[in-house]
Amino acid sequence: MTDPQSTHEKLAEVTAGVSGALQNAAQEAKPVFERIADRISDSIRDMAHHSRDAAVDAKKLLEQKTHQVTSTAEHYIHRALFKSILIAAGVGAAAATLVIWLMRSRPR
């Protein structure tokens, strides 16, 4: 049979060796992980800048399109004033009719 003391000593030696190897591996891997973390941080920062720029561009485009639609509507209204008034009155009447219909169909 093996001596229990020697088994414990051998286990302690193996454990110490594994622990030392893990510590060395962690020390060697630390700079690699730091570089990876820096790259990820840079990528996130770049994505944030691109997202902000895209949002600013989208806002400018929306403002341009809104201005264009408004100008077109104003131009149409000036060219066909009476027709525009009739269309607006028709839309208002349809909206009022829809609201009244919805109010009456609602159970009390």
N, C-alpha and C. Protein backbone atom coordinates (compact mmCIF):
# COMPACT_ATOMS: atom_id res chain seq x y z
N MET A 1 0.83 -1.18 0.00
CA MET A 1 0.00 0.00 0.00
C MET A 1 0.87 1.24 0.00
N THR A 2 0.27 2.30 -0.46
CA THR A 2 1.02 3.56 -0.48
C THR A 2 0.85 4.26 0.85
N ASP A 3 1.82 5.00 1.16
CA ASP A 3 1.80 5.76 2.40
C ASP A 3 0.85 6.94 2.24
N PRO A 4 -0.15 7.12 3.16
CA PRO A 4 -1.10 8.22 3.04
C PRO A 4 -0.42 9.58 3.04
N GLN A 5 0.65 9.69 3.80
CA GLN A 5 1.36 10.97 3.86
C GLN A 5 1.98 11.30 2.51
N SER A 6 2.54 10.33 1.89
CA SER A 6 3.17 10.59 0.60
C SER A 6 2.11 10.90 -0.46
N THR A 7 0.93 10.30 -0.34
CA THR A 7 -0.16 10.61 -1.27
C THR A 7 -0.59 12.06 -1.11
N HIS A 8 -0.73 12.51 0.12
CA HIS A 8 -1.10 13.91 0.38
C HIS A 8 -0.01 14.85 -0.10
N GLU A 9 1.24 14.46 0.10
CA GLU A 9 2.34 15.31 -0.34
C GLU A 9 2.37 15.40 -1.87
N LYS A 10 2.15 14.25 -2.51
CA LYS A 10 2.13 14.25 -3.97
C LYS A 10 0.97 15.10 -4.50
N LEU A 11 -0.18 14.95 -3.86
CA LEU A 11 -1.35 15.75 -4.25
C LEU A 11 -1.08 17.24 -4.06
N ALA A 12 -0.43 17.60 -2.96
CA ALA A 12 -0.10 18.99 -2.69
C ALA A 12 0.88 19.51 -3.73
N GLU A 13 1.85 18.68 -4.11
CA GLU A 13 2.81 19.09 -5.13
C GLU A 13 2.13 19.32 -6.48
N VAL A 14 1.24 18.40 -6.84
CA VAL A 14 0.54 18.52 -8.10
C VAL A 14 -0.36 19.76 -8.08
N THR A 15 -1.05 19.96 -6.97
CA THR A 15 -1.92 21.13 -6.83
C THR A 15 -1.11 22.41 -6.92
N ALA A 16 0.04 22.45 -6.25
CA ALA A 16 0.89 23.63 -6.31
C ALA A 16 1.40 23.86 -7.72
N GLY A 17 1.74 22.79 -8.41
CA GLY A 17 2.21 22.91 -9.79
C GLY A 17 1.11 23.44 -10.71
N VAL A 18 -0.09 22.90 -10.55
CA VAL A 18 -1.22 23.37 -11.36
C VAL A 18 -1.53 24.83 -11.04
N SER A 19 -1.51 25.16 -9.78
CA SER A 19 -1.79 26.53 -9.36
C SER A 19 -0.75 27.48 -9.94
N GLY A 20 0.50 27.09 -9.87
CA GLY A 20 1.56 27.92 -10.43
C GLY A 20 1.42 28.08 -11.94
N ALA A 21 1.07 26.99 -12.62
CA ALA A 21 0.89 27.05 -14.07
C ALA A 21 -0.28 27.97 -14.43
N LEU A 22 -1.36 27.89 -13.66
CA LEU A 22 -2.51 28.76 -13.91
C LEU A 22 -2.15 30.23 -13.68
N GLN A 23 -1.37 30.49 -12.63
CA GLN A 23 -0.97 31.87 -12.36
C GLN A 23 -0.08 32.40 -13.48
N ASN A 24 0.85 31.56 -13.96
CA ASN A 24 1.71 31.99 -15.06
C ASN A 24 0.90 32.24 -16.33
N ALA A 25 -0.04 31.35 -16.61
CA ALA A 25 -0.89 31.52 -17.79
C ALA A 25 -1.72 32.80 -17.68
N ALA A 26 -2.22 33.08 -16.48
CA ALA A 26 -3.00 34.30 -16.28
C ALA A 26 -2.13 35.53 -16.49
N GLN A 27 -0.90 35.50 -16.00
CA GLN A 27 0.01 36.64 -16.17
C GLN A 27 0.35 36.85 -17.64
N GLU A 28 0.55 35.75 -18.37
CA GLU A 28 0.87 35.86 -19.80
C GLU A 28 -0.34 36.32 -20.61
N ALA A 29 -1.54 35.93 -20.19
CA ALA A 29 -2.74 36.26 -20.95
C ALA A 29 -3.24 37.68 -20.64
N LYS A 30 -2.83 38.25 -19.52
CA LYS A 30 -3.33 39.56 -19.12
C LYS A 30 -3.11 40.63 -20.18
N PRO A 31 -1.92 40.79 -20.76
CA PRO A 31 -1.75 41.82 -21.80
C PRO A 31 -2.63 41.57 -23.03
N VAL A 32 -2.83 40.30 -23.37
CA VAL A 32 -3.68 39.98 -24.52
C VAL A 32 -5.11 40.41 -24.24
N PHE A 33 -5.60 40.09 -23.05
CA PHE A 33 -6.96 40.49 -22.68
C PHE A 33 -7.10 42.01 -22.62
N GLU A 34 -6.07 42.69 -22.16
CA GLU A 34 -6.12 44.16 -22.12
C GLU A 34 -6.19 44.74 -23.53
N ARG A 35 -5.42 44.17 -24.47
CA ARG A 35 -5.48 44.64 -25.86
C ARG A 35 -6.86 44.37 -26.46
N ILE A 36 -7.40 43.20 -26.17
CA ILE A 36 -8.74 42.87 -26.68
C ILE A 36 -9.77 43.85 -26.10
N ALA A 37 -9.67 44.14 -24.81
CA ALA A 37 -10.60 45.08 -24.17
C ALA A 37 -10.47 46.47 -24.79
N ASP A 38 -9.23 46.89 -25.08
CA ASP A 38 -9.03 48.19 -25.72
C ASP A 38 -9.65 48.21 -27.12
N ARG A 39 -9.47 47.14 -27.87
CA ARG A 39 -10.04 47.08 -29.22
C ARG A 39 -11.57 47.11 -29.17
N ILE A 40 -12.14 46.37 -28.23
CA ILE A 40 -13.60 46.37 -28.08
C ILE A 40 -14.08 47.76 -27.70
N SER A 41 -13.38 48.40 -26.80
CA SER A 41 -13.75 49.76 -26.38
C SER A 41 -13.68 50.72 -27.56
N ASP A 42 -12.62 50.62 -28.36
CA ASP A 42 -12.49 51.47 -29.55
C ASP A 42 -13.62 51.20 -30.54
N SER A 43 -13.95 49.93 -30.73
CA SER A 43 -15.04 49.58 -31.66
C SER A 43 -16.37 50.14 -31.18
N ILE A 44 -16.63 50.04 -29.90
CA ILE A 44 -17.87 50.58 -29.34
C ILE A 44 -17.91 52.09 -29.50
N ARG A 45 -16.79 52.74 -29.27
CA ARG A 45 -16.71 54.20 -29.42
C ARG A 45 -16.97 54.58 -30.89
N ASP A 46 -16.36 53.83 -31.82
CA ASP A 46 -16.58 54.11 -33.25
C ASP A 46 -18.04 53.90 -33.63
N MET A 47 -18.65 52.83 -33.14
CA MET A 47 -20.06 52.58 -33.44
C MET A 47 -20.94 53.69 -32.89
N ALA A 48 -20.60 54.19 -31.70
CA ALA A 48 -21.39 55.28 -31.12
C ALA A 48 -21.28 56.54 -31.97
N HIS A 49 -20.07 56.84 -32.46
CA HIS A 49 -19.89 58.01 -33.32
C HIS A 49 -20.66 57.84 -34.63
N HIS A 50 -20.57 56.65 -35.22
CA HIS A 50 -21.29 56.40 -36.48
C HIS A 50 -22.80 56.50 -36.27
N SER A 51 -23.27 55.98 -35.15
CA SER A 51 -24.70 56.05 -34.85
C SER A 51 -25.15 57.49 -34.68
N ARG A 52 -24.36 58.27 -33.98
CA ARG A 52 -24.69 59.68 -33.79
C ARG A 52 -24.71 60.41 -35.13
N ASP A 53 -23.70 60.15 -35.97
CA ASP A 53 -23.65 60.78 -37.29
C ASP A 53 -24.84 60.37 -38.15
N ALA A 54 -25.20 59.09 -38.08
CA ALA A 54 -26.36 58.60 -38.85
C ALA A 54 -27.64 59.26 -38.36
N ALA A 55 -27.77 59.45 -37.06
CA ALA A 55 -28.96 60.11 -36.52
C ALA A 55 -29.03 61.57 -36.96
N VAL A 56 -27.90 62.25 -36.97
CA VAL A 56 -27.86 63.64 -37.42
C VAL A 56 -28.23 63.72 -38.90
N ASP A 57 -27.68 62.80 -39.70
CA ASP A 57 -28.00 62.78 -41.13
C ASP A 57 -29.49 62.49 -41.36
N ALA A 58 -30.05 61.56 -40.59
CA ALA A 58 -31.47 61.22 -40.72
C ALA A 58 -32.33 62.42 -40.34
N LYS A 59 -31.92 63.15 -39.31
CA LYS A 59 -32.67 64.34 -38.88
C LYS A 59 -32.65 65.39 -39.98
N LYS A 60 -31.47 65.61 -40.58
CA LYS A 60 -31.37 66.59 -41.66
C LYS A 60 -32.23 66.18 -42.84
N LEU A 61 -32.19 64.90 -43.19
CA LEU A 61 -33.01 64.42 -44.31
C LEU A 61 -34.49 64.58 -44.02
N LEU A 62 -34.89 64.26 -42.79
CA LEU A 62 -36.30 64.43 -42.42
C LEU A 62 -36.72 65.89 -42.48
N GLU A 63 -35.85 66.78 -42.03
CA GLU A 63 -36.16 68.21 -42.11
C GLU A 63 -36.29 68.67 -43.56
N GLN A 64 -35.40 68.17 -44.43
CA GLN A 64 -35.47 68.54 -45.85
C GLN A 64 -36.77 68.03 -46.48
N LYS A 65 -37.11 66.78 -46.20
CA LYS A 65 -38.32 66.20 -46.77
C LYS A 65 -39.57 66.92 -46.24
N THR A 66 -39.57 67.25 -44.96
CA THR A 66 -40.70 67.97 -44.38
C THR A 66 -40.85 69.34 -45.04
N HIS A 67 -39.73 70.02 -45.22
CA HIS A 67 -39.77 71.33 -45.87
C HIS A 67 -40.27 71.20 -47.31
N GLN A 68 -39.81 70.16 -48.00
CA GLN A 68 -40.22 69.93 -49.38
C GLN A 68 -41.73 69.66 -49.47
N VAL A 69 -42.24 68.81 -48.57
CA VAL A 69 -43.67 68.50 -48.57
C VAL A 69 -44.48 69.74 -48.22
N THR A 70 -44.02 70.49 -47.25
CA THR A 70 -44.72 71.72 -46.86
C THR A 70 -44.75 72.71 -48.02
N SER A 71 -43.61 72.86 -48.68
CA SER A 71 -43.56 73.79 -49.83
C SER A 71 -44.49 73.33 -50.94
N THR A 72 -44.51 72.04 -51.20
CA THR A 72 -45.39 71.51 -52.25
C THR A 72 -46.85 71.74 -51.88
N ALA A 73 -47.20 71.49 -50.62
CA ALA A 73 -48.58 71.71 -50.17
C ALA A 73 -48.96 73.19 -50.27
N GLU A 74 -48.06 74.07 -49.85
CA GLU A 74 -48.34 75.50 -49.93
C GLU A 74 -48.51 75.93 -51.39
N HIS A 75 -47.66 75.41 -52.25
CA HIS A 75 -47.75 75.75 -53.67
C HIS A 75 -49.09 75.28 -54.24
N TYR A 76 -49.49 74.06 -53.90
CA TYR A 76 -50.77 73.52 -54.38
C TYR A 76 -51.93 74.36 -53.86
N ILE A 77 -51.87 74.74 -52.59
CA ILE A 77 -52.94 75.55 -52.00
C ILE A 77 -53.05 76.90 -52.70
N HIS A 78 -51.92 77.53 -53.00
CA HIS A 78 -51.95 78.82 -53.69
C HIS A 78 -52.48 78.70 -55.11
N ARG A 79 -52.16 77.60 -55.78
CA ARG A 79 -52.60 77.41 -57.17
C ARG A 79 -54.09 77.08 -57.24
N ALA A 80 -54.58 76.30 -56.28
CA ALA A 80 -55.98 75.86 -56.32
C ALA A 80 -56.62 76.10 -54.97
N LEU A 81 -56.79 77.37 -54.63
CA LEU A 81 -57.27 77.74 -53.31
C LEU A 81 -58.66 77.20 -53.03
N PHE A 82 -59.58 77.39 -53.93
CA PHE A 82 -60.96 76.95 -53.71
C PHE A 82 -61.02 75.42 -53.58
N LYS A 83 -60.30 74.74 -54.44
CA LYS A 83 -60.26 73.27 -54.37
C LYS A 83 -59.65 72.81 -53.05
N SER A 84 -58.61 73.49 -52.59
CA SER A 84 -57.97 73.15 -51.31
C SER A 84 -58.92 73.34 -50.15
N ILE A 85 -59.70 74.42 -50.21
CA ILE A 85 -60.68 74.67 -49.14
C ILE A 85 -61.73 73.57 -49.12
N LEU A 86 -62.20 73.17 -50.29
CA LEU A 86 -63.18 72.09 -50.36
C LEU A 86 -62.61 70.76 -49.85
N ILE A 87 -61.36 70.48 -50.20
CA ILE A 87 -60.73 69.24 -49.71
C ILE A 87 -60.60 69.28 -48.19
N ALA A 88 -60.15 70.42 -47.65
CA ALA A 88 -60.00 70.55 -46.20
C ALA A 88 -61.35 70.40 -45.50
N ALA A 89 -62.38 71.00 -46.06
CA ALA A 89 -63.71 70.89 -45.47
C ALA A 89 -64.20 69.44 -45.53
N GLY A 90 -63.94 68.76 -46.64
CA GLY A 90 -64.35 67.36 -46.77
C GLY A 90 -63.63 66.46 -45.77
N VAL A 91 -62.33 66.68 -45.60
CA VAL A 91 -61.56 65.89 -44.62
C VAL A 91 -62.07 66.17 -43.21
N GLY A 92 -62.34 67.43 -42.91
CA GLY A 92 -62.87 67.79 -41.59
C GLY A 92 -64.23 67.16 -41.34
N ALA A 93 -65.09 67.18 -42.34
CA ALA A 93 -66.42 66.58 -42.19
C ALA A 93 -66.31 65.07 -42.02
N ALA A 94 -65.42 64.44 -42.77
CA ALA A 94 -65.24 62.99 -42.64
C ALA A 94 -64.69 62.64 -41.26
N ALA A 95 -63.75 63.43 -40.77
CA ALA A 95 -63.19 63.18 -39.44
C ALA A 95 -64.26 63.36 -38.37
N ALA A 96 -65.08 64.41 -38.49
CA ALA A 96 -66.14 64.65 -37.51
C ALA A 96 -67.16 63.52 -37.54
N THR A 97 -67.51 63.06 -38.74
CA THR A 97 -68.46 61.95 -38.88
C THR A 97 -67.90 60.69 -38.24
N LEU A 98 -66.63 60.42 -38.47
CA LEU A 98 -65.98 59.25 -37.88
C LEU A 98 -65.97 59.32 -36.36
N VAL A 99 -65.66 60.48 -35.81
CA VAL A 99 -65.64 60.65 -34.35
C VAL A 99 -67.04 60.44 -33.78
N ILE A 100 -68.04 61.03 -34.41
CA ILE A 100 -69.42 60.87 -33.94
C ILE A 100 -69.83 59.41 -34.01
N TRP A 101 -69.49 58.74 -35.10
CA TRP A 101 -69.84 57.32 -35.27
C TRP A 101 -69.16 56.47 -34.20
N LEU A 102 -67.89 56.75 -33.92
CA LEU A 102 -67.17 56.00 -32.89
C LEU A 102 -67.74 56.26 -31.50
N MET A 103 -68.17 57.49 -31.22
CA MET A 103 -68.74 57.83 -29.92
C MET A 103 -70.09 57.13 -29.72
N ARG A 104 -70.87 57.02 -30.76
CA ARG A 104 -72.19 56.37 -30.65
C ARG A 104 -72.07 54.86 -30.55
N SER A 105 -71.05 54.28 -31.18
CA SER A 105 -70.93 52.82 -31.18
C SER A 105 -70.28 52.30 -29.89
N ARG A 106 -69.76 53.19 -29.07
CA ARG A 106 -69.12 52.80 -27.82
C ARG A 106 -70.19 52.48 -26.77
N PRO A 107 -70.11 51.26 -26.16
CA PRO A 107 -71.11 50.93 -25.13
C PRO A 107 -70.89 51.78 -23.87
N ARG A 108 -71.99 52.13 -23.24
CA ARG A 108 -71.89 52.99 -22.05
C ARG A 108 -72.04 52.20 -20.79
